[in-house]
Amino acid sequence: MLGLSPANYNTTYSQYLIDQNKTNDISSSNTRSPALTNWNSISDAYPAITMSHQASLNVDLSGVITSYFLADTSTAVLSIPSFYGYGIGIDSFSQAVIDFISNATDNNATSVIIDLQQNSGGQESLAFEVFRRVC
């Protein structure tokens, strides 16, 4: 509904991204947070075991994509919590989507979910890139 977040909206994660973005605006470009392989350490809404993740997955928004395979339903999930991308994250965004498609095919996925639950927007070009690759 207009102005209301869904019941499962994780305000902690959203605030975390906002705080990280503010920190990155004032911090040195030589400083990077340690690389991640999933968002489970940020929110338990995300599985700890990924099918794939963006090469530059990081809280500084240089990479945001993770994917999961739900074997009991043969469903591949592409999680994109943001379409904001910076630096090497923009370069690895397309590759992460390609990797997802390849892994979903290798796992014989019969369904695909593109999870945008936490997505607060970002660069339209990255959203179009997902649509172009998946459809």
Protein backbone atom coordinates (compact mmCIF):
# COMPACT_ATOMS: atom_id res chain seq x y z
CA MET A 1 0.00 0.00 0.00
CA LEU A 2 1.10 3.53 -0.56
CA GLY A 3 3.52 4.67 2.09
CA LEU A 4 3.49 1.36 3.96
CA SER A 5 6.25 -1.23 3.91
CA PRO A 6 5.38 -4.93 3.55
CA ALA A 7 5.28 -6.89 6.82
CA ASN A 8 8.54 -8.68 5.95
CA TYR A 9 10.46 -5.47 5.14
CA ASN A 10 13.73 -5.48 7.06
CA THR A 11 14.28 -1.95 8.36
CA THR A 12 17.59 -2.99 9.94
CA TYR A 13 19.01 -3.97 6.54
CA SER A 14 17.71 -0.83 4.86
CA GLN A 15 19.16 1.40 7.56
CA TYR A 16 22.42 -0.55 7.32
CA LEU A 17 22.65 0.24 3.59
CA ILE A 18 21.88 3.92 4.22
CA ASP A 19 24.53 4.10 6.96
CA GLN A 20 27.08 2.34 4.74
CA ASN A 21 26.37 4.72 1.87
CA LYS A 22 26.89 7.74 4.15
CA THR A 23 30.12 6.23 5.49
CA ASN A 24 31.40 5.55 1.98
CA ASP A 25 30.70 9.13 0.93
CA ILE A 26 33.12 10.41 3.54
CA SER A 27 35.63 7.56 3.74
CA SER A 28 38.76 7.01 1.71
CA SER A 29 38.31 5.18 -1.59
CA ASN A 30 41.25 2.96 -0.60
CA THR A 31 39.29 1.50 2.31
CA ARG A 32 37.07 -1.49 1.60
CA SER A 33 34.99 -3.68 3.85
CA PRO A 34 35.80 -7.39 3.74
CA ALA A 35 34.17 -9.32 0.88
CA LEU A 36 31.07 -11.39 1.57
CA THR A 37 29.55 -14.47 -0.05
CA ASN A 38 26.00 -13.92 1.25
CA TRP A 39 23.81 -11.42 3.10
CA ASN A 40 23.01 -13.82 5.94
CA SER A 41 25.38 -11.98 8.28
CA ILE A 42 23.31 -8.82 7.70
CA SER A 43 19.86 -10.42 7.81
CA ASP A 44 18.73 -13.98 8.45
CA ALA A 45 16.08 -13.42 5.76
CA TYR A 46 18.81 -14.52 3.33
CA PRO A 47 20.10 -18.12 3.25
CA ALA A 48 23.67 -18.70 4.41
CA ILE A 49 24.51 -20.94 1.44
CA THR A 50 24.45 -19.26 -1.95
CA MET A 51 24.24 -20.80 -5.40
CA SER A 52 26.33 -17.86 -6.61
CA HIS A 53 27.17 -14.31 -5.61
CA GLN A 54 28.46 -11.20 -7.28
CA ALA A 55 32.26 -11.22 -7.35
CA SER A 56 32.43 -7.89 -5.56
CA LEU A 57 29.66 -8.61 -3.02
CA ASN A 58 30.19 -6.04 -0.32
CA VAL A 59 28.34 -3.76 2.05
CA ASP A 60 29.82 -0.75 0.27
CA LEU A 61 27.37 -1.47 -2.60
CA SER A 62 30.11 -2.43 -5.03
CA GLY A 63 28.24 -5.71 -5.42
CA VAL A 64 24.81 -6.78 -4.20
CA ILE A 65 23.60 -9.88 -6.09
CA THR A 66 23.29 -13.31 -4.52
CA SER A 67 21.39 -16.35 -5.71
CA TYR A 68 20.03 -19.42 -4.04
CA PHE A 69 18.62 -22.77 -5.11
CA LEU A 70 15.62 -24.16 -3.26
CA ALA A 71 16.02 -27.86 -4.06
CA ASP A 72 12.70 -28.98 -2.56
CA THR A 73 10.82 -26.85 -5.11
CA SER A 74 13.44 -26.75 -7.91
CA THR A 75 13.37 -22.96 -7.67
CA ALA A 76 16.28 -20.63 -8.34
CA VAL A 77 16.16 -17.27 -6.53
CA LEU A 78 18.04 -14.19 -7.71
CA SER A 79 18.25 -11.69 -4.85
CA ILE A 80 18.91 -8.07 -5.80
CA PRO A 81 18.54 -5.84 -2.71
CA SER A 82 19.61 -2.76 -4.63
CA PHE A 83 20.17 -1.46 -8.14
CA TYR A 84 22.79 0.95 -6.85
CA GLY A 85 26.24 0.06 -8.13
CA TYR A 86 29.63 1.67 -7.81
CA GLY A 87 33.06 1.01 -9.27
CA ILE A 88 33.78 -2.64 -9.95
CA GLY A 89 30.24 -3.53 -8.87
CA ILE A 90 28.84 -2.19 -12.11
CA ASP A 91 31.28 -4.31 -14.10
CA SER A 92 30.47 -7.51 -12.21
CA PHE A 93 26.68 -6.98 -12.15
CA SER A 94 26.08 -8.46 -15.62
CA GLN A 95 28.39 -11.39 -14.92
CA ALA A 96 26.48 -12.15 -11.71
CA VAL A 97 23.21 -12.34 -13.67
CA ILE A 98 24.86 -14.57 -16.31
CA ASP A 99 26.23 -16.82 -13.54
CA PHE A 100 22.76 -17.06 -11.99
CA ILE A 101 21.21 -18.16 -15.29
CA SER A 102 23.95 -20.72 -15.85
CA ASN A 103 23.68 -22.12 -12.30
CA ALA A 104 19.89 -22.26 -12.47
CA THR A 105 20.14 -24.20 -15.73
CA ASP A 106 22.80 -26.55 -14.29
CA ASN A 107 20.54 -27.23 -11.28
CA ASN A 108 17.55 -27.94 -13.58
CA ALA A 109 15.49 -25.17 -11.98
CA THR A 110 11.87 -25.27 -13.07
CA SER A 111 11.00 -21.89 -11.54
CA VAL A 112 12.81 -18.61 -11.08
CA ILE A 113 12.11 -15.90 -8.52
CA ILE A 114 13.69 -12.46 -8.76
CA ASP A 115 13.65 -11.23 -5.17
CA LEU A 116 13.41 -7.44 -4.97
CA GLN A 117 11.91 -7.28 -1.45
CA GLN A 118 14.62 -5.06 0.05
CA ASN A 119 15.32 -3.20 -3.18
CA SER A 120 15.11 0.54 -2.72
CA GLY A 121 15.85 1.40 -6.36
CA GLY A 122 19.01 2.65 -7.99
CA GLN A 123 20.34 2.82 -11.51
CA GLU A 124 17.74 2.02 -14.16
CA SER A 125 20.43 0.60 -16.43
CA LEU A 126 21.14 -2.21 -13.95
CA ALA A 127 17.43 -3.08 -13.69
CA PHE A 128 17.20 -3.19 -17.50
CA GLU A 129 20.30 -5.41 -17.57
CA VAL A 130 18.53 -8.01 -15.42
CA PHE A 131 15.41 -7.87 -17.59
CA ARG A 132 17.50 -8.17 -20.77
CA ARG A 133 19.39 -11.23 -19.50
CA VAL A 134 16.52 -13.10 -17.85
CA CYS A 135 13.72 -12.52 -20.36
